[in-house]
Amino acid sequence: MSHEHEAVLMLSFGGPRKSEEIRPFLANVTRGKAVHPQKLEAVVQHYELIGGSLPLTDLTRHQSIKLHDELRARGTTCPSMLGCVTGTHSLAKRWQI
C-alpha cells in the first residue's frame, strides 16, 4: 500500500493571537451577520481582559506539536499541520479560498 499522499491535518476554529487581531477576527467571523457594534465592542473587551487571545488557541497549537512529535517517534513520516478555520493564519487565507 502506497502512503505517498497521506498527511495529518488538525483543525481548530482559530482566533486572535494578540490584541491587534481582535477586531479583524471579529469582523471576519461576523461577516454578513447583523451584530450590533456595542455587542462587538463588549466582545473586544472580553478578549482584552484575557490578554487578546483565547487559551484554546495556544493549547491547540501545543497539542499539534505533540501530535507531530508522537507521529515521528512512531516512525510516521507523513506531514502534519495545524489549520485554523478563522483568524489571521486561517486555511482560507493560506489557500486563498
PDB file of N, CA and C in Angstrom:
ATOM      1  N   MET A   1       0.842  -1.187   0.000  1.00  0.00           N
ATOM      2  CA  MET A   1       0.000   0.000   0.000  1.00  0.00           C
ATOM      3  C   MET A   1       0.883   1.245   0.000  1.00  0.00           C
ATOM      4  N   SER A   2       0.612   2.161  -0.898  1.00  0.00           N
ATOM      5  CA  SER A   2       1.373   3.401  -1.006  1.00  0.00           C
ATOM      6  C   SER A   2       0.859   4.423   0.007  1.00  0.00           C
ATOM      7  N   HIS A   3       1.798   5.120   0.649  1.00  0.00           N
ATOM      8  CA  HIS A   3       1.443   6.150   1.643  1.00  0.00           C
ATOM      9  C   HIS A   3       1.878   7.539   1.183  1.00  0.00           C
ATOM     10  N   GLU A   4       2.192   7.706  -0.090  1.00  0.00           N
ATOM     11  CA  GLU A   4       2.753   8.964  -0.552  1.00  0.00           C
ATOM     12  C   GLU A   4       1.796  10.154  -0.463  1.00  0.00           C
ATOM     13  N   HIS A   5       0.487   9.913  -0.353  1.00  0.00           N
ATOM     14  CA  HIS A   5      -0.473  11.019  -0.285  1.00  0.00           C
ATOM     15  C   HIS A   5      -1.113  11.148   1.091  1.00  0.00           C
ATOM     16  N   GLU A   6      -0.485  10.605   2.097  1.00  0.00           N
ATOM     17  CA  GLU A   6      -1.033  10.693   3.449  1.00  0.00           C
ATOM     18  C   GLU A   6      -0.496  11.915   4.166  1.00  0.00           C
ATOM     19  N   ALA A   7      -1.350  12.505   4.982  1.00  0.00           N
ATOM     20  CA  ALA A   7      -0.970  13.651   5.804  1.00  0.00           C
ATOM     21  C   ALA A   7      -1.977  13.758   6.942  1.00  0.00           C
ATOM     22  N   VAL A   8      -1.592  14.476   7.979  1.00  0.00           N
ATOM     23  CA  VAL A   8      -2.484  14.731   9.106  1.00  0.00           C
ATOM     24  C   VAL A   8      -2.754  16.230   9.150  1.00  0.00           C
ATOM     25  N   LEU A   9      -4.025  16.594   9.116  1.00  0.00           N
ATOM     26  CA  LEU A   9      -4.428  17.987   9.236  1.00  0.00           C
ATOM     27  C   LEU A   9      -5.289  18.101  10.487  1.00  0.00           C
ATOM     28  N   MET A  10      -4.789  18.813  11.465  1.00  0.00           N
ATOM     29  CA  MET A  10      -5.522  19.042  12.705  1.00  0.00           C
ATOM     30  C   MET A  10      -6.213  20.397  12.574  1.00  0.00           C
ATOM     31  N   LEU A  11      -7.529  20.412  12.703  1.00  0.00           N
ATOM     32  CA  LEU A  11      -8.290  21.646  12.525  1.00  0.00           C
ATOM     33  C   LEU A  11      -8.714  22.263  13.852  1.00  0.00           C
ATOM     34  N   SER A  12      -8.722  23.573  13.876  1.00  0.00           N
ATOM     35  CA  SER A  12      -9.167  24.339  15.029  1.00  0.00           C
ATOM     36  C   SER A  12      -9.990  25.512  14.510  1.00  0.00           C
ATOM     37  N   PHE A  13     -10.898  26.019  15.320  1.00  0.00           N
ATOM     38  CA  PHE A  13     -11.665  27.188  14.902  1.00  0.00           C
ATOM     39  C   PHE A  13     -10.747  28.380  14.717  1.00  0.00           C
ATOM     40  N   GLY A  14      -9.762  28.513  15.584  1.00  0.00           N
ATOM     41  CA  GLY A  14      -8.835  29.633  15.498  1.00  0.00           C
ATOM     42  C   GLY A  14      -9.323  30.823  16.285  1.00  0.00           C
ATOM     43  N   GLY A  15      -8.608  31.907  16.165  1.00  0.00           N
ATOM     44  CA  GLY A  15      -8.964  33.128  16.873  1.00  0.00           C
ATOM     45  C   GLY A  15      -7.799  34.088  16.880  1.00  0.00           C
ATOM     46  N   PRO A  16      -7.998  35.264  17.469  1.00  0.00           N
ATOM     47  CA  PRO A  16      -6.913  36.234  17.521  1.00  0.00           C
ATOM     48  C   PRO A  16      -5.787  35.735  18.430  1.00  0.00           C
ATOM     49  N   ARG A  17      -4.550  36.079  18.064  1.00  0.00           N
ATOM     50  CA  ARG A  17      -3.403  35.693  18.889  1.00  0.00           C
ATOM     51  C   ARG A  17      -2.858  36.856  19.701  1.00  0.00           C
ATOM     52  N   LYS A  18      -3.294  38.077  19.342  1.00  0.00           N
ATOM     53  CA  LYS A  18      -2.877  39.271  20.087  1.00  0.00           C
ATOM     54  C   LYS A  18      -3.948  40.345  19.915  1.00  0.00           C
ATOM     55  N   SER A  19      -3.871  41.364  20.738  1.00  0.00           N
ATOM     56  CA  SER A  19      -4.918  42.395  20.780  1.00  0.00           C
ATOM     57  C   SER A  19      -5.201  43.034  19.427  1.00  0.00           C
ATOM     58  N   GLU A  20      -4.157  43.261  18.611  1.00  0.00           N
ATOM     59  CA  GLU A  20      -4.358  43.910  17.309  1.00  0.00           C
ATOM     60  C   GLU A  20      -5.185  43.051  16.360  1.00  0.00           C
ATOM     61  N   GLU A  21      -5.286  41.771  16.623  1.00  0.00           N
ATOM     62  CA  GLU A  21      -6.025  40.861  15.745  1.00  0.00           C
ATOM     63  C   GLU A  21      -7.493  40.683  16.144  1.00  0.00           C
ATOM     64  N   ILE A  22      -7.909  41.243  17.293  1.00  0.00           N
ATOM     65  CA  ILE A  22      -9.272  41.009  17.795  1.00  0.00           C
ATOM     66  C   ILE A  22     -10.326  41.547  16.836  1.00  0.00           C
ATOM     67  N   ARG A  23     -10.245  42.817  16.494  1.00  0.00           N
ATOM     68  CA  ARG A  23     -11.289  43.409  15.637  1.00  0.00           C
ATOM     69  C   ARG A  23     -11.319  42.782  14.237  1.00  0.00           C
ATOM     70  N   PRO A  24     -10.171  42.575  13.569  1.00  0.00           N
ATOM     71  CA  PRO A  24     -10.224  41.892  12.273  1.00  0.00           C
ATOM     72  C   PRO A  24     -10.806  40.473  12.377  1.00  0.00           C
ATOM     73  N   PHE A  25     -10.487  39.776  13.449  1.00  0.00           N
ATOM     74  CA  PHE A  25     -11.040  38.439  13.664  1.00  0.00           C
ATOM     75  C   PHE A  25     -12.559  38.495  13.799  1.00  0.00           C
ATOM     76  N   LEU A  26     -13.048  39.411  14.632  1.00  0.00           N
ATOM     77  CA  LEU A  26     -14.492  39.539  14.828  1.00  0.00           C
ATOM     78  C   LEU A  26     -15.200  39.982  13.552  1.00  0.00           C
ATOM     79  N   ALA A  27     -14.562  40.862  12.788  1.00  0.00           N
ATOM     80  CA  ALA A  27     -15.152  41.287  11.511  1.00  0.00           C
ATOM     81  C   ALA A  27     -15.296  40.084  10.578  1.00  0.00           C
ATOM     82  N   ASN A  28     -14.312  39.206  10.599  1.00  0.00           N
ATOM     83  CA  ASN A  28     -14.346  38.016   9.749  1.00  0.00           C
ATOM     84  C   ASN A  28     -15.448  37.049  10.175  1.00  0.00           C
ATOM     85  N   VAL A  29     -15.523  36.736  11.458  1.00  0.00           N
ATOM     86  CA  VAL A  29     -16.493  35.726  11.905  1.00  0.00           C
ATOM     87  C   VAL A  29     -17.930  36.246  11.950  1.00  0.00           C
ATOM     88  N   THR A  30     -18.094  37.567  11.918  1.00  0.00           N
ATOM     89  CA  THR A  30     -19.461  38.112  11.918  1.00  0.00           C
ATOM     90  C   THR A  30     -19.869  38.656  10.547  1.00  0.00           C
ATOM     91  N   ARG A  31     -19.017  38.481   9.547  1.00  0.00           N
ATOM     92  CA  ARG A  31     -19.313  38.984   8.196  1.00  0.00           C
ATOM     93  C   ARG A  31     -20.663  38.459   7.716  1.00  0.00           C
ATOM     94  N   GLY A  32     -21.503  39.374   7.233  1.00  0.00           N
ATOM     95  CA  GLY A  32     -22.815  39.002   6.721  1.00  0.00           C
ATOM     96  C   GLY A  32     -23.880  38.846   7.791  1.00  0.00           C
ATOM     97  N   LYS A  33     -23.512  39.091   9.050  1.00  0.00           N
ATOM     98  CA  LYS A  33     -24.467  38.976  10.151  1.00  0.00           C
ATOM     99  C   LYS A  33     -24.730  40.352  10.740  1.00  0.00           C
ATOM    100  N   ALA A  34     -25.933  40.577  11.177  1.00  0.00           N
ATOM    101  CA  ALA A  34     -26.300  41.859  11.779  1.00  0.00           C
ATOM    102  C   ALA A  34     -25.963  41.818  13.273  1.00  0.00           C
ATOM    103  N   VAL A  35     -24.743  42.216  13.601  1.00  0.00           N
ATOM    104  CA  VAL A  35     -24.306  42.246  15.007  1.00  0.00           C
ATOM    105  C   VAL A  35     -24.138  43.705  15.398  1.00  0.00           C
ATOM    106  N   HIS A  36     -24.798  44.080  16.464  1.00  0.00           N
ATOM    107  CA  HIS A  36     -24.754  45.462  16.934  1.00  0.00           C
ATOM    108  C   HIS A  36     -23.309  45.817  17.330  1.00  0.00           C
ATOM    109  N   PRO A  37     -22.841  47.001  16.907  1.00  0.00           N
ATOM    110  CA  PRO A  37     -21.466  47.413  17.227  1.00  0.00           C
ATOM    111  C   PRO A  37     -21.147  47.390  18.720  1.00  0.00           C
ATOM    112  N   GLN A  38     -22.138  47.708  19.567  1.00  0.00           N
ATOM    113  CA  GLN A  38     -21.891  47.669  21.015  1.00  0.00           C
ATOM    114  C   GLN A  38     -21.610  46.246  21.487  1.00  0.00           C
ATOM    115  N   LYS A  39     -22.279  45.276  20.890  1.00  0.00           N
ATOM    116  CA  LYS A  39     -22.046  43.875  21.246  1.00  0.00           C
ATOM    117  C   LYS A  39     -20.622  43.471  20.850  1.00  0.00           C
ATOM    118  N   LEU A  40     -20.202  43.888  19.651  1.00  0.00           N
ATOM    119  CA  LEU A  40     -18.836  43.587  19.216  1.00  0.00           C
ATOM    120  C   LEU A  40     -17.805  44.218  20.151  1.00  0.00           C
ATOM    121  N   GLU A  41     -18.049  45.452  20.561  1.00  0.00           N
ATOM    122  CA  GLU A  41     -17.113  46.118  21.474  1.00  0.00           C
ATOM    123  C   GLU A  41     -17.058  45.396  22.822  1.00  0.00           C
ATOM    124  N   ALA A  42     -18.188  44.869  23.276  1.00  0.00           N
ATOM    125  CA  ALA A  42     -18.189  44.093  24.523  1.00  0.00           C
ATOM    126  C   ALA A  42     -17.332  42.844  24.373  1.00  0.00           C
ATOM    127  N   VAL A  43     -17.416  42.203  23.215  1.00  0.00           N
ATOM    128  CA  VAL A  43     -16.596  41.009  22.966  1.00  0.00           C
ATOM    129  C   VAL A  43     -15.113  41.394  22.904  1.00  0.00           C
ATOM    130  N   VAL A  44     -14.814  42.525  22.271  1.00  0.00           N
ATOM    131  CA  VAL A  44     -13.431  43.018  22.233  1.00  0.00           C
ATOM    132  C   VAL A  44     -12.904  43.184  23.654  1.00  0.00           C
ATOM    133  N   GLN A  45     -13.711  43.785  24.525  1.00  0.00           N
ATOM    134  CA  GLN A  45     -13.307  43.995  25.916  1.00  0.00           C
ATOM    135  C   GLN A  45     -13.036  42.669  26.630  1.00  0.00           C
ATOM    136  N   HIS A  46     -13.867  41.665  26.355  1.00  0.00           N
ATOM    137  CA  HIS A  46     -13.646  40.343  26.970  1.00  0.00           C
ATOM    138  C   HIS A  46     -12.318  39.752  26.512  1.00  0.00           C
ATOM    139  N   TYR A  47     -12.040  39.838  25.219  1.00  0.00           N
ATOM    140  CA  TYR A  47     -10.762  39.341  24.703  1.00  0.00           C
ATOM    141  C   TYR A  47      -9.590  40.090  25.345  1.00  0.00           C
ATOM    142  N   GLU A  48      -9.720  41.401  25.459  1.00  0.00           N
ATOM    143  CA  GLU A  48      -8.631  42.187  26.044  1.00  0.00           C
ATOM    144  C   GLU A  48      -8.399  41.836  27.504  1.00  0.00           C
ATOM    145  N   LEU A  49      -9.463  41.495  28.220  1.00  0.00           N
ATOM    146  CA  LEU A  49      -9.326  41.096  29.627  1.00  0.00           C
ATOM    147  C   LEU A  49      -8.509  39.819  29.794  1.00  0.00           C
ATOM    148  N   ILE A  50      -8.512  38.963  28.774  1.00  0.00           N
ATOM    149  CA  ILE A  50      -7.753  37.707  28.876  1.00  0.00           C
ATOM    150  C   ILE A  50      -6.480  37.756  28.025  1.00  0.00           C
ATOM    151  N   GLY A  51      -6.020  38.973  27.707  1.00  0.00           N
ATOM    152  CA  GLY A  51      -4.742  39.119  27.030  1.00  0.00           C
ATOM    153  C   GLY A  51      -4.791  39.145  25.512  1.00  0.00           C
ATOM    154  N   GLY A  52      -5.970  39.194  24.919  1.00  0.00           N
ATOM    155  CA  GLY A  52      -6.083  39.322  23.482  1.00  0.00           C
ATOM    156  C   GLY A  52      -6.216  38.027  22.713  1.00  0.00           C
ATOM    157  N   SER A  53      -6.097  36.905  23.394  1.00  0.00           N
ATOM    158  CA  SER A  53      -6.255  35.621  22.700  1.00  0.00           C
ATOM    159  C   SER A  53      -6.912  34.610  23.634  1.00  0.00           C
ATOM    160  N   LEU A  54      -7.467  33.580  23.025  1.00  0.00           N
ATOM    161  CA  LEU A  54      -8.067  32.507  23.810  1.00  0.00           C
ATOM    162  C   LEU A  54      -7.002  31.491  24.206  1.00  0.00           C
ATOM    163  N   PRO A  55      -7.026  30.972  25.411  1.00  0.00           N
ATOM    164  CA  PRO A  55      -6.082  29.923  25.790  1.00  0.00           C
ATOM    165  C   PRO A  55      -6.187  28.700  24.869  1.00  0.00           C
ATOM    166  N   LEU A  56      -7.369  28.449  24.344  1.00  0.00           N
ATOM    167  CA  LEU A  56      -7.561  27.290  23.479  1.00  0.00           C
ATOM    168  C   LEU A  56      -6.655  27.331  22.254  1.00  0.00           C
ATOM    169  N   THR A  57      -6.383  28.524  21.733  1.00  0.00           N
ATOM    170  CA  THR A  57      -5.526  28.663  20.555  1.00  0.00           C
ATOM    171  C   THR A  57      -4.126  28.127  20.847  1.00  0.00           C
ATOM    172  N   ASP A  58      -3.525  28.558  21.952  1.00  0.00           N
ATOM    173  CA  ASP A  58      -2.190  28.072  22.314  1.00  0.00           C
ATOM    174  C   ASP A  58      -2.208  26.598  22.687  1.00  0.00           C
ATOM    175  N   LEU A  59      -3.259  26.164  23.377  1.00  0.00           N
ATOM    176  CA  LEU A  59      -3.356  24.747  23.736  1.00  0.00           C
ATOM    177  C   LEU A  59      -3.443  23.867  22.485  1.00  0.00           C
ATOM    178  N   THR A  60      -4.200  24.302  21.497  1.00  0.00           N
ATOM    179  CA  THR A  60      -4.333  23.531  20.268  1.00  0.00           C
ATOM    180  C   THR A  60      -3.005  23.502  19.511  1.00  0.00           C
ATOM    181  N   ARG A  61      -2.310  24.620  19.465  1.00  0.00           N
ATOM    182  CA  ARG A  61      -1.000  24.674  18.810  1.00  0.00           C
ATOM    183  C   ARG A  61      -0.035  23.709  19.510  1.00  0.00           C
ATOM    184  N   HIS A  62      -0.037  23.736  20.831  1.00  0.00           N
ATOM    185  CA  HIS A  62       0.829  22.832  21.601  1.00  0.00           C
ATOM    186  C   HIS A  62       0.453  21.370  21.324  1.00  0.00           C
ATOM    187  N   GLN A  63      -0.832  21.086  21.275  1.00  0.00           N
ATOM    188  CA  GLN A  63      -1.305  19.731  21.005  1.00  0.00           C
ATOM    189  C   GLN A  63      -0.857  19.270  19.614  1.00  0.00           C
ATOM    190  N   SER A  64      -0.893  20.154  18.633  1.00  0.00           N
ATOM    191  CA  SER A  64      -0.475  19.765  17.281  1.00  0.00           C
ATOM    192  C   SER A  64       1.027  19.471  17.230  1.00  0.00           C
ATOM    193  N   ILE A  65       1.821  20.200  17.996  1.00  0.00           N
ATOM    194  CA  ILE A  65       3.264  19.942  18.069  1.00  0.00           C
ATOM    195  C   ILE A  65       3.509  18.581  18.711  1.00  0.00           C
ATOM    196  N   LYS A  66       2.786  18.296  19.790  1.00  0.00           N
ATOM    197  CA  LYS A  66       2.928  16.998  20.462  1.00  0.00           C
ATOM    198  C   LYS A  66       2.509  15.848  19.540  1.00  0.00           C
ATOM    199  N   LEU A  67       1.435  16.045  18.781  1.00  0.00           N
ATOM    200  CA  LEU A  67       0.994  15.028  17.834  1.00  0.00           C
ATOM    201  C   LEU A  67       2.068  14.792  16.782  1.00  0.00           C
ATOM    202  N   HIS A  68       2.623  15.867  16.244  1.00  0.00           N
ATOM    203  CA  HIS A  68       3.701  15.763  15.254  1.00  0.00           C
ATOM    204  C   HIS A  68       4.881  14.968  15.830  1.00  0.00           C
ATOM    205  N   ASP A  69       5.284  15.322  17.051  1.00  0.00           N
ATOM    206  CA  ASP A  69       6.402  14.627  17.700  1.00  0.00           C
ATOM    207  C   ASP A  69       6.105  13.150  17.926  1.00  0.00           C
ATOM    208  N   GLU A  70       4.881  12.845  18.349  1.00  0.00           N
ATOM    209  CA  GLU A  70       4.491  11.454  18.591  1.00  0.00           C
ATOM    210  C   GLU A  70       4.475  10.656  17.289  1.00  0.00           C
ATOM    211  N   LEU A  71       3.974  11.246  16.232  1.00  0.00           N
ATOM    212  CA  LEU A  71       3.986  10.562  14.941  1.00  0.00           C
ATOM    213  C   LEU A  71       5.414  10.243  14.507  1.00  0.00           C
ATOM    214  N   ARG A  72       6.323  11.206  14.685  1.00  0.00           N
ATOM    215  CA  ARG A  72       7.728  10.977  14.329  1.00  0.00           C
ATOM    216  C   ARG A  72       8.338   9.875  15.203  1.00  0.00           C
ATOM    217  N   ALA A  73       8.008   9.888  16.490  1.00  0.00           N
ATOM    218  CA  ALA A  73       8.543   8.872  17.406  1.00  0.00           C
ATOM    219  C   ALA A  73       8.086   7.465  17.019  1.00  0.00           C
ATOM    220  N   ARG A  74       6.914   7.371  16.408  1.00  0.00           N
ATOM    221  CA  ARG A  74       6.383   6.081  15.969  1.00  0.00           C
ATOM    222  C   ARG A  74       6.812   5.726  14.550  1.00  0.00           C
ATOM    223  N   GLY A  75       7.658   6.562  13.972  1.00  0.00           N
ATOM    224  CA  GLY A  75       8.179   6.271  12.651  1.00  0.00           C
ATOM    225  C   GLY A  75       7.322   6.730  11.491  1.00  0.00           C
ATOM    226  N   THR A  76       6.305   7.520  11.764  1.00  0.00           N
ATOM    227  CA  THR A  76       5.449   8.036  10.699  1.00  0.00           C
ATOM    228  C   THR A  76       6.107   9.267  10.087  1.00  0.00           C
ATOM    229  N   THR A  77       6.230   9.270   8.788  1.00  0.00           N
ATOM    230  CA  THR A  77       6.907  10.377   8.120  1.00  0.00           C
ATOM    231  C   THR A  77       5.954  11.281   7.346  1.00  0.00           C
ATOM    232  N   CYS A  78       4.658  11.030   7.449  1.00  0.00           N
ATOM    233  CA  CYS A  78       3.726  11.875   6.710  1.00  0.00           C
ATOM    234  C   CYS A  78       3.717  13.279   7.314  1.00  0.00           C
ATOM    235  N   PRO A  79       3.494  14.284   6.490  1.00  0.00           N
ATOM    236  CA  PRO A  79       3.453  15.648   7.016  1.00  0.00           C
ATOM    237  C   PRO A  79       2.242  15.861   7.914  1.00  0.00           C
ATOM    238  N   SER A  80       2.384  16.774   8.861  1.00  0.00           N
ATOM    239  CA  SER A  80       1.261  17.130   9.725  1.00  0.00           C
ATOM    240  C   SER A  80       1.278  18.632   9.923  1.00  0.00           C
ATOM    241  N   MET A  81       0.085  19.196  10.034  1.00  0.00           N
ATOM    242  CA  MET A  81      -0.010  20.638  10.241  1.00  0.00           C
ATOM    243  C   MET A  81      -1.299  20.984  10.956  1.00  0.00           C
ATOM    244  N   LEU A  82      -1.290  22.158  11.560  1.00  0.00           N
ATOM    245  CA  LEU A  82      -2.469  22.700  12.216  1.00  0.00           C
ATOM    246  C   LEU A  82      -3.084  23.714  11.274  1.00  0.00           C
ATOM    247  N   GLY A  83      -4.378  23.591  11.051  1.00  0.00           N
ATOM    248  CA  GLY A  83      -5.097  24.557  10.228  1.00  0.00           C
ATOM    249  C   GLY A  83      -6.209  25.189  11.038  1.00  0.00           C
ATOM    250  N   CYS A  84      -6.345  26.497  10.916  1.00  0.00           N
ATOM    251  CA  CYS A  84      -7.405  27.211  11.615  1.00  0.00           C
ATOM    252  C   CYS A  84      -8.471  27.642  10.616  1.00  0.00           C
ATOM    253  N   VAL A  85      -9.708  27.516  11.030  1.00  0.00           N
ATOM    254  CA  VAL A  85     -10.823  27.902  10.177  1.00  0.00           C
ATOM    255  C   VAL A  85     -10.896  29.427  10.073  1.00  0.00           C
ATOM    256  N   THR A  86     -10.579  30.128  11.153  1.00  0.00           N
ATOM    257  CA  THR A  86     -10.622  31.585  11.173  1.00  0.00           C
ATOM    258  C   THR A  86      -9.315  32.121  11.733  1.00  0.00           C
ATOM    259  N   GLY A  87      -9.181  33.416  11.732  1.00  0.00           N
ATOM    260  CA  GLY A  87      -8.006  34.044  12.309  1.00  0.00           C
ATOM    261  C   GLY A  87      -7.050  34.546  11.240  1.00  0.00           C
ATOM    262  N   THR A  88      -5.976  35.158  11.681  1.00  0.00           N
ATOM    263  CA  THR A  88      -5.008  35.747  10.786  1.00  0.00           C
ATOM    264  C   THR A  88      -4.368  34.713   9.858  1.00  0.00           C
ATOM    265  N   HIS A  89      -4.133  33.532  10.372  1.00  0.00           N
ATOM    266  CA  HIS A  89      -3.467  32.482   9.594  1.00  0.00           C
ATOM    267  C   HIS A  89      -4.440  31.362   9.254  1.00  0.00           C
ATOM    268  N   SER A  90      -5.619  31.724   8.823  1.00  0.00           N
ATOM    269  CA  SER A  90      -6.649  30.730   8.538  1.00  0.00           C
ATOM    270  C   SER A  90      -6.325  29.954   7.269  1.00  0.00           C
ATOM    271  N   LEU A  91      -6.925  28.783   7.157  1.00  0.00           N
ATOM    272  CA  LEU A  91      -6.763  27.974   5.955  1.00  0.00           C
ATOM    273  C   LEU A  91      -7.274  28.712   4.730  1.00  0.00           C
ATOM    274  N   ALA A  92      -8.363  29.450   4.891  1.00  0.00           N
ATOM    275  CA  ALA A  92      -8.920  30.186   3.757  1.00  0.00           C
ATOM    276  C   ALA A  92      -7.904  31.188   3.211  1.00  0.00           C
ATOM    277  N   LYS A  93      -7.195  31.873   4.089  1.00  0.00           N
ATOM    278  CA  LYS A  93      -6.185  32.823   3.630  1.00  0.00           C
ATOM    279  C   LYS A  93      -4.967  32.092   3.072  1.00  0.00           C
ATOM    280  N   ARG A  94      -4.575  31.004   3.723  1.00  0.00           N
ATOM    281  CA  ARG A  94      -3.415  30.241   3.266  1.00  0.00           C
ATOM    282  C   ARG A  94      -3.645  29.668   1.881  1.00  0.00           C
ATOM    283  N   TRP A  95      -4.846  29.148   1.649  1.00  0.00           N
ATOM    284  CA  TRP A  95      -5.159  28.504   0.374  1.00  0.00           C
ATOM    285  C   TRP A  95      -5.937  29.412  -0.565  1.00  0.00           C
ATOM    286  N   GLN A  96      -6.130  30.685  -0.166  1.00  0.00           N
ATOM    287  CA  GLN A  96      -6.830  31.693  -0.954  1.00  0.00           C
ATOM    288  C   GLN A  96      -8.207  31.208  -1.406  1.00  0.00           C
ATOM    289  N   ILE A  97      -8.987  30.702  -0.441  1.00  0.00           N
ATOM    290  CA  ILE A  97     -10.351  30.208  -0.732  1.00  0.00           C
ATOM    291  C   ILE A  97     -11.313  31.373  -0.681  1.00  0.00           C
TER     292      ILE A  97
END
